[in-house]
PDB file of N, CA and C in Angstrom:
ATOM      1  N   MET A   1      52.658 -40.941 -73.481  1.00  0.00           N
ATOM      2  CA  MET A   1      53.553 -41.460 -74.501  1.00  0.00           C
ATOM      3  C   MET A   1      52.840 -42.558 -75.289  1.00  0.00           C
ATOM      4  N   ASP A   2      53.041 -42.517 -76.562  1.00  0.00           N
ATOM      5  CA  ASP A   2      52.472 -43.580 -77.368  1.00  0.00           C
ATOM      6  C   ASP A   2      53.458 -44.746 -77.456  1.00  0.00           C
ATOM      7  N   SER A   3      52.975 -45.849 -77.952  1.00  0.00           N
ATOM      8  CA  SER A   3      53.807 -47.063 -77.982  1.00  0.00           C
ATOM      9  C   SER A   3      54.984 -46.918 -78.936  1.00  0.00           C
ATOM     10  N   GLY A   4      54.862 -46.088 -79.950  1.00  0.00           N
ATOM     11  CA  GLY A   4      55.943 -45.879 -80.905  1.00  0.00           C
ATOM     12  C   GLY A   4      57.141 -45.210 -80.257  1.00  0.00           C
ATOM     13  N   SER A   5      56.887 -44.191 -79.433  1.00  0.00           N
ATOM     14  CA  SER A   5      57.992 -43.492 -78.781  1.00  0.00           C
ATOM     15  C   SER A   5      58.613 -44.357 -77.680  1.00  0.00           C
ATOM     16  N   ILE A   6      57.809 -45.183 -77.037  1.00  0.00           N
ATOM     17  CA  ILE A   6      58.342 -46.099 -76.020  1.00  0.00           C
ATOM     18  C   ILE A   6      59.250 -47.128 -76.681  1.00  0.00           C
ATOM     19  N   ASN A   7      58.779 -47.693 -77.801  1.00  0.00           N
ATOM     20  CA  ASN A   7      59.604 -48.660 -78.537  1.00  0.00           C
ATOM     21  C   ASN A   7      60.901 -48.024 -79.015  1.00  0.00           C
ATOM     22  N   SER A   8      60.797 -46.789 -79.473  1.00  0.00           N
ATOM     23  CA  SER A   8      61.978 -46.074 -79.952  1.00  0.00           C
ATOM     24  C   SER A   8      62.973 -45.855 -78.810  1.00  0.00           C
ATOM     25  N   ALA A   9      62.475 -45.493 -77.643  1.00  0.00           N
ATOM     26  CA  ALA A   9      63.343 -45.272 -76.481  1.00  0.00           C
ATOM     27  C   ALA A   9      64.002 -46.583 -76.041  1.00  0.00           C
ATOM     28  N   VAL A  10      63.256 -47.655 -76.040  1.00  0.00           N
ATOM     29  CA  VAL A  10      63.790 -48.961 -75.665  1.00  0.00           C
ATOM     30  C   VAL A  10      64.849 -49.406 -76.669  1.00  0.00           C
ATOM     31  N   ASN A  11      64.564 -49.254 -77.953  1.00  0.00           N
ATOM     32  CA  ASN A  11      65.522 -49.642 -78.983  1.00  0.00           C
ATOM     33  C   ASN A  11      66.797 -48.817 -78.895  1.00  0.00           C
ATOM     34  N   THR A  12      66.653 -47.527 -78.621  1.00  0.00           N
ATOM     35  CA  THR A  12      67.825 -46.665 -78.469  1.00  0.00           C
ATOM     36  C   THR A  12      68.649 -47.093 -77.266  1.00  0.00           C
ATOM     37  N   SER A  13      67.981 -47.409 -76.198  1.00  0.00           N
ATOM     38  CA  SER A  13      68.672 -47.866 -74.992  1.00  0.00           C
ATOM     39  C   SER A  13      69.428 -49.168 -75.243  1.00  0.00           C
ATOM     40  N   LEU A  14      68.785 -50.095 -75.928  1.00  0.00           N
ATOM     41  CA  LEU A  14      69.434 -51.367 -76.238  1.00  0.00           C
ATOM     42  C   LEU A  14      70.627 -51.175 -77.174  1.00  0.00           C
ATOM     43  N   ALA A  15      70.477 -50.271 -78.131  1.00  0.00           N
ATOM     44  CA  ALA A  15      71.581 -49.993 -79.053  1.00  0.00           C
ATOM     45  C   ALA A  15      72.763 -49.381 -78.313  1.00  0.00           C
ATOM     46  N   LEU A  16      72.501 -48.489 -77.378  1.00  0.00           N
ATOM     47  CA  LEU A  16      73.576 -47.884 -76.587  1.00  0.00           C
ATOM     48  C   LEU A  16      74.269 -48.923 -75.701  1.00  0.00           C
ATOM     49  N   GLN A  17      73.494 -49.833 -75.132  1.00  0.00           N
ATOM     50  CA  GLN A  17      74.096 -50.896 -74.328  1.00  0.00           C
ATOM     51  C   GLN A  17      75.015 -51.763 -75.181  1.00  0.00           C
ATOM     52  N   GLN A  18      74.567 -52.109 -76.365  1.00  0.00           N
ATOM     53  CA  GLN A  18      75.373 -52.930 -77.269  1.00  0.00           C
ATOM     54  C   GLN A  18      76.639 -52.186 -77.667  1.00  0.00           C
ATOM     55  N   HIS A  19      76.507 -50.912 -77.955  1.00  0.00           N
ATOM     56  CA  HIS A  19      77.663 -50.098 -78.334  1.00  0.00           C
ATOM     57  C   HIS A  19      78.671 -50.041 -77.179  1.00  0.00           C
ATOM     58  N   ASN A  20      78.180 -49.847 -75.960  1.00  0.00           N
ATOM     59  CA  ASN A  20      79.071 -49.803 -74.796  1.00  0.00           C
ATOM     60  C   ASN A  20      79.783 -51.137 -74.585  1.00  0.00           C
ATOM     61  N   GLN A  21      79.081 -52.229 -74.791  1.00  0.00           N
ATOM     62  CA  GLN A  21      79.703 -53.548 -74.659  1.00  0.00           C
ATOM     63  C   GLN A  21      80.782 -53.743 -75.710  1.00  0.00           C
ATOM     64  N   ASN A  22      80.506 -53.309 -76.935  1.00  0.00           N
ATOM     65  CA  ASN A  22      81.507 -53.421 -77.997  1.00  0.00           C
ATOM     66  C   ASN A  22      82.746 -52.596 -77.680  1.00  0.00           C
ATOM     67  N   GLN A  23      82.553 -51.402 -77.138  1.00  0.00           N
ATOM     68  CA  GLN A  23      83.687 -50.565 -76.770  1.00  0.00           C
ATOM     69  C   GLN A  23      84.501 -51.198 -75.644  1.00  0.00           C
ATOM     70  N   GLU A  24      83.824 -51.822 -74.703  1.00  0.00           N
ATOM     71  CA  GLU A  24      84.524 -52.517 -73.612  1.00  0.00           C
ATOM     72  C   GLU A  24      85.386 -53.651 -74.149  1.00  0.00           C
ATOM     73  N   VAL A  25      84.832 -54.422 -75.069  1.00  0.00           N
ATOM     74  CA  VAL A  25      85.577 -55.532 -75.673  1.00  0.00           C
ATOM     75  C   VAL A  25      86.795 -55.006 -76.425  1.00  0.00           C
ATOM     76  N   GLN A  26      86.618 -53.942 -77.176  1.00  0.00           N
ATOM     77  CA  GLN A  26      87.727 -53.361 -77.926  1.00  0.00           C
ATOM     78  C   GLN A  26      88.792 -52.799 -76.987  1.00  0.00           C
ATOM     79  N   ALA A  27      88.378 -52.166 -75.904  1.00  0.00           N
ATOM     80  CA  ALA A  27      89.334 -51.620 -74.938  1.00  0.00           C
ATOM     81  C   ALA A  27      90.118 -52.741 -74.269  1.00  0.00           C
ATOM     82  N   ASN A  28      89.445 -53.839 -73.936  1.00  0.00           N
ATOM     83  CA  ASN A  28      90.142 -54.979 -73.331  1.00  0.00           C
ATOM     84  C   ASN A  28      91.147 -55.590 -74.303  1.00  0.00           C
ATOM     85  N   LEU A  29      90.768 -55.693 -75.566  1.00  0.00           N
ATOM     86  CA  LEU A  29      91.673 -56.227 -76.574  1.00  0.00           C
ATOM     87  C   LEU A  29      92.893 -55.315 -76.742  1.00  0.00           C
ATOM     88  N   LEU A  30      92.671 -54.018 -76.768  1.00  0.00           N
ATOM     89  CA  LEU A  30      93.775 -53.063 -76.867  1.00  0.00           C
ATOM     90  C   LEU A  30      94.689 -53.173 -75.657  1.00  0.00           C
ATOM     91  N   ARG A  31      94.112 -53.280 -74.473  1.00  0.00           N
ATOM     92  CA  ARG A  31      94.907 -53.399 -73.241  1.00  0.00           C
ATOM     93  C   ARG A  31      95.759 -54.663 -73.268  1.00  0.00           C
ATOM     94  N   LYS A  32      95.174 -55.785 -73.707  1.00  0.00           N
ATOM     95  CA  LYS A  32      95.932 -57.033 -73.794  1.00  0.00           C
ATOM     96  C   LYS A  32      97.052 -56.923 -74.820  1.00  0.00           C
ATOM     97  N   SER A  33      96.752 -56.280 -75.943  1.00  0.00           N
ATOM     98  CA  SER A  33      97.753 -56.101 -76.987  1.00  0.00           C
ATOM     99  C   SER A  33      98.915 -55.243 -76.487  1.00  0.00           C
ATOM    100  N   LEU A  34      98.613 -54.163 -75.789  1.00  0.00           N
ATOM    101  CA  LEU A  34      99.666 -53.296 -75.248  1.00  0.00           C
ATOM    102  C   LEU A  34     100.476 -54.005 -74.176  1.00  0.00           C
ATOM    103  N   ASP A  35      99.815 -54.793 -73.338  1.00  0.00           N
ATOM    104  CA  ASP A  35     100.539 -55.562 -72.323  1.00  0.00           C
ATOM    105  C   ASP A  35     101.480 -56.569 -72.970  1.00  0.00           C
ATOM    106  N   SER A  36     101.019 -57.210 -74.035  1.00  0.00           N
ATOM    107  CA  SER A  36     101.845 -58.179 -74.747  1.00  0.00           C
ATOM    108  C   SER A  36     103.053 -57.491 -75.372  1.00  0.00           C
ATOM    109  N   GLN A  37     102.838 -56.337 -75.983  1.00  0.00           N
ATOM    110  CA  GLN A  37     103.947 -55.597 -76.583  1.00  0.00           C
ATOM    111  C   GLN A  37     104.946 -55.151 -75.523  1.00  0.00           C
ATOM    112  N   ALA A  38     104.455 -54.706 -74.382  1.00  0.00           N
ATOM    113  CA  ALA A  38     105.346 -54.277 -73.301  1.00  0.00           C
ATOM    114  C   ALA A  38     106.170 -55.451 -72.793  1.00  0.00           C
ATOM    115  N   SER A  39     105.551 -56.607 -72.686  1.00  0.00           N
ATOM    116  CA  SER A  39     106.264 -57.798 -72.242  1.00  0.00           C
ATOM    117  C   SER A  39     107.348 -58.188 -73.240  1.00  0.00           C
ATOM    118  N   GLN A  40     107.007 -58.167 -74.520  1.00  0.00           N
ATOM    119  CA  GLN A  40     107.984 -58.506 -75.555  1.00  0.00           C
ATOM    120  C   GLN A  40     109.130 -57.510 -75.578  1.00  0.00           C
ATOM    121  N   LEU A  41     108.829 -56.236 -75.407  1.00  0.00           N
ATOM    122  CA  LEU A  41     109.873 -55.217 -75.388  1.00  0.00           C
ATOM    123  C   LEU A  41     110.775 -55.401 -74.167  1.00  0.00           C
ATOM    124  N   GLY A  42     110.189 -55.746 -73.038  1.00  0.00           N
ATOM    125  CA  GLY A  42     110.983 -56.008 -71.841  1.00  0.00           C
ATOM    126  C   GLY A  42     111.925 -57.175 -72.043  1.00  0.00           C
ATOM    127  N   GLN A  43     111.449 -58.240 -72.686  1.00  0.00           N
ATOM    128  CA  GLN A  43     112.306 -59.396 -72.965  1.00  0.00           C
ATOM    129  C   GLN A  43     113.418 -59.015 -73.925  1.00  0.00           C
ATOM    130  N   LEU A  44     113.099 -58.216 -74.944  1.00  0.00           N
ATOM    131  CA  LEU A  44     114.100 -57.786 -75.901  1.00  0.00           C
ATOM    132  C   LEU A  44     115.167 -56.924 -75.232  1.00  0.00           C
ATOM    133  N   MET A  45     114.735 -56.005 -74.403  1.00  0.00           N
ATOM    134  CA  MET A  45     115.690 -55.111 -73.727  1.00  0.00           C
ATOM    135  C   MET A  45     116.566 -55.886 -72.746  1.00  0.00           C
ATOM    136  N   SER A  46     116.008 -56.867 -72.073  1.00  0.00           N
ATOM    137  CA  SER A  46     116.806 -57.626 -71.110  1.00  0.00           C
ATOM    138  C   SER A  46     117.789 -58.556 -71.803  1.00  0.00           C
ATOM    139  N   SER A  47     117.511 -58.909 -73.065  1.00  0.00           N
ATOM    140  CA  SER A  47     118.418 -59.798 -73.782  1.00  0.00           C
ATOM    141  C   SER A  47     119.594 -59.038 -74.408  1.00  0.00           C
ATOM    142  N   MET A  48     119.494 -57.720 -74.476  1.00  0.00           N
ATOM    143  CA  MET A  48     120.561 -56.930 -75.071  1.00  0.00           C
ATOM    144  C   MET A  48     121.765 -56.892 -74.129  1.00  0.00           C
ATOM    145  N   GLU A  49     122.964 -56.945 -74.717  1.00  0.00           N
ATOM    146  CA  GLU A  49     124.172 -56.860 -73.928  1.00  0.00           C
ATOM    147  C   GLU A  49     124.422 -55.405 -73.556  1.00  0.00           C
ATOM    148  N   THR A  50     124.984 -55.221 -72.389  1.00  0.00           N
ATOM    149  CA  THR A  50     125.372 -53.869 -71.995  1.00  0.00           C
ATOM    150  C   THR A  50     126.767 -53.593 -72.535  1.00  0.00           C
ATOM    151  N   GLN A  51     126.979 -52.383 -72.985  1.00  0.00           N
ATOM    152  CA  GLN A  51     128.280 -52.032 -73.522  1.00  0.00           C
ATOM    153  C   GLN A  51     129.225 -51.714 -72.373  1.00  0.00           C
ATOM    154  N   PRO A  52     130.504 -52.066 -72.543  1.00  0.00           N
ATOM    155  CA  PRO A  52     131.465 -51.750 -71.491  1.00  0.00           C
ATOM    156  C   PRO A  52     131.665 -50.239 -71.377  1.00  0.00           C
ATOM    157  N   ALA A  53     132.045 -49.801 -70.205  1.00  0.00           N
ATOM    158  CA  ALA A  53     132.259 -48.382 -69.971  1.00  0.00           C
ATOM    159  C   ALA A  53     133.544 -47.932 -70.654  1.00  0.00           C
ATOM    160  N   LEU A  54     133.674 -46.629 -70.847  1.00  0.00           N
ATOM    161  CA  LEU A  54     134.886 -46.079 -71.433  1.00  0.00           C
ATOM    162  C   LEU A  54     136.072 -46.339 -70.510  1.00  0.00           C
ATOM    163  N   ALA A  55     137.237 -46.462 -71.095  1.00  0.00           N
ATOM    164  CA  ALA A  55     138.460 -46.631 -70.302  1.00  0.00           C
ATOM    165  C   ALA A  55     138.695 -45.364 -69.491  1.00  0.00           C
ATOM    166  N   THR A  56     139.290 -45.524 -68.329  1.00  0.00           N
ATOM    167  CA  THR A  56     139.568 -44.362 -67.482  1.00  0.00           C
ATOM    168  C   THR A  56     141.026 -43.946 -67.540  1.00  0.00           C
ATOM    169  N   THR A  57     141.883 -44.810 -68.045  1.00  0.00           N
ATOM    170  CA  THR A  57     143.310 -44.478 -68.152  1.00  0.00           C
ATOM    171  C   THR A  57     143.812 -44.861 -69.528  1.00  0.00           C
ATOM    172  N   GLY A  58     144.940 -44.306 -69.912  1.00  0.00           N
ATOM    173  CA  GLY A  58     145.534 -44.632 -71.191  1.00  0.00           C
ATOM    174  C   GLY A  58     145.159 -43.625 -72.258  1.00  0.00           C
ATOM    175  N   SER A  59     145.695 -43.834 -73.450  1.00  0.00           N
ATOM    176  CA  SER A  59     145.453 -42.880 -74.532  1.00  0.00           C
ATOM    177  C   SER A  59     144.357 -43.350 -75.494  1.00  0.00           C
ATOM    178  N   VAL A  60     143.893 -44.568 -75.364  1.00  0.00           N
ATOM    179  CA  VAL A  60     142.880 -45.096 -76.268  1.00  0.00           C
ATOM    180  C   VAL A  60     141.629 -45.474 -75.465  1.00  0.00           C
ATOM    181  N   GLY A  61     140.495 -45.050 -75.952  1.00  0.00           N
ATOM    182  CA  GLY A  61     139.233 -45.466 -75.348  1.00  0.00           C
ATOM    183  C   GLY A  61     138.739 -44.600 -74.220  1.00  0.00           C
ATOM    184  N   THR A  62     139.402 -43.462 -73.975  1.00  0.00           N
ATOM    185  CA  THR A  62     138.941 -42.602 -72.882  1.00  0.00           C
ATOM    186  C   THR A  62     137.910 -41.577 -73.349  1.00  0.00           C
ATOM    187  N   GLN A  63     137.857 -41.293 -74.652  1.00  0.00           N
ATOM    188  CA  GLN A  63     136.915 -40.316 -75.176  1.00  0.00           C
ATOM    189  C   GLN A  63     135.849 -40.960 -76.061  1.00  0.00           C
ATOM    190  N   ILE A  64     136.254 -41.996 -76.771  1.00  0.00           N
ATOM    191  CA  ILE A  64     135.354 -42.684 -77.704  1.00  0.00           C
ATOM    192  C   ILE A  64     135.386 -44.166 -77.364  1.00  0.00           C
ATOM    193  N   ASN A  65     134.242 -44.785 -77.364  1.00  0.00           N
ATOM    194  CA  ASN A  65     134.167 -46.204 -77.092  1.00  0.00           C
ATOM    195  C   ASN A  65     134.700 -46.948 -78.306  1.00  0.00           C
ATOM    196  N   THR A  66     135.868 -47.561 -78.181  1.00  0.00           N
ATOM    197  CA  THR A  66     136.507 -48.251 -79.309  1.00  0.00           C
ATOM    198  C   THR A  66     136.213 -49.732 -79.303  1.00  0.00           C
ATOM    199  N   PHE A  67     135.360 -50.190 -78.413  1.00  0.00           N
ATOM    200  CA  PHE A  67     135.022 -51.612 -78.342  1.00  0.00           C
ATOM    201  C   PHE A  67     134.211 -51.987 -79.575  1.00  0.00           C
ATOM    202  N   ALA A  68     134.574 -53.059 -80.213  1.00  0.00           N
ATOM    203  CA  ALA A  68     133.846 -53.468 -81.410  1.00  0.00           C
ATOM    204  C   ALA A  68     133.240 -54.845 -81.182  1.00  0.00           C
TER     205      ALA A  68
END
Protein backbone atom coordinates (compact mmCIF):
# COMPACT_ATOMS: atom_id res chain seq x y z
CA MET A 1 0.00 0.00 0.00
CA ASP A 2 1.21 3.44 -0.77
CA SER A 3 0.95 6.32 1.67
CA GLY A 4 -1.89 7.91 -0.30
CA SER A 5 -4.21 4.94 0.13
CA ILE A 6 -3.28 4.63 3.82
CA ASN A 7 -4.07 8.31 4.37
CA SER A 8 -7.32 7.88 2.49
CA ALA A 9 -8.29 4.89 4.65
CA VAL A 10 -7.43 6.75 7.85
CA ASN A 11 -9.37 9.84 6.76
CA THR A 12 -12.38 7.70 5.84
CA SER A 13 -12.24 5.98 9.19
CA LEU A 14 -12.06 9.28 11.04
CA ALA A 15 -14.95 10.68 9.01
CA LEU A 16 -17.08 7.63 9.83
CA GLN A 17 -16.26 7.98 13.53
CA GLN A 18 -17.29 11.63 13.45
CA HIS A 19 -20.49 10.77 11.61
CA ASN A 20 -21.34 8.06 14.17
CA GLN A 21 -20.74 10.49 17.03
CA ASN A 22 -23.00 13.06 15.40
CA GLN A 23 -25.74 10.46 14.98
CA GLU A 24 -25.40 9.47 18.64
CA VAL A 25 -25.78 13.09 19.72
CA GLN A 26 -28.83 13.54 17.51
CA ALA A 27 -30.40 10.31 18.80
CA ASN A 28 -29.85 11.39 22.41
CA LEU A 29 -31.41 14.78 21.68
CA LEU A 30 -34.42 13.10 20.04
CA ARG A 31 -34.79 10.72 23.00
CA LYS A 32 -34.70 13.62 25.47
CA SER A 33 -37.21 15.56 23.39
CA LEU A 34 -39.60 12.59 23.25
CA ASP A 35 -39.24 11.98 26.98
CA SER A 36 -40.04 15.63 27.65
CA GLN A 37 -43.11 15.49 25.41
CA ALA A 38 -44.30 12.30 27.10
CA SER A 39 -43.89 13.92 30.50
CA GLN A 40 -45.81 17.01 29.43
CA LEU A 41 -48.58 14.90 27.93
CA GLY A 42 -48.80 12.87 31.14
CA GLN A 43 -49.16 16.06 33.18
CA LEU A 44 -51.82 17.36 30.79
CA MET A 45 -53.79 14.12 30.90
CA SER A 46 -53.63 13.93 34.69
CA SER A 47 -54.89 17.50 35.00
CA MET A 48 -58.00 16.77 32.93
CA GLU A 49 -61.22 16.20 34.84
CA THR A 50 -62.97 12.90 34.45
CA GLN A 51 -66.51 13.09 33.19
CA PRO A 52 -69.25 11.68 35.39
CA ALA A 53 -70.80 8.40 34.34
CA LEU A 54 -74.22 8.21 32.71
CA ALA A 55 -77.21 8.06 35.03
CA THR A 56 -78.50 4.56 35.67
CA THR A 57 -82.08 5.48 36.59
CA GLY A 58 -84.60 8.06 35.49
CA SER A 59 -85.61 9.39 32.10
CA VAL A 60 -82.79 11.91 31.63
CA GLY A 61 -79.11 11.13 31.24
CA THR A 62 -79.33 7.37 30.77
CA GLN A 63 -78.52 7.39 27.04
CA ILE A 64 -76.72 10.70 26.50
CA ASN A 65 -74.42 12.45 28.90
CA THR A 66 -76.32 15.67 29.66
CA PHE A 67 -73.73 17.03 32.08
CA ALA A 68 -72.54 20.44 30.97
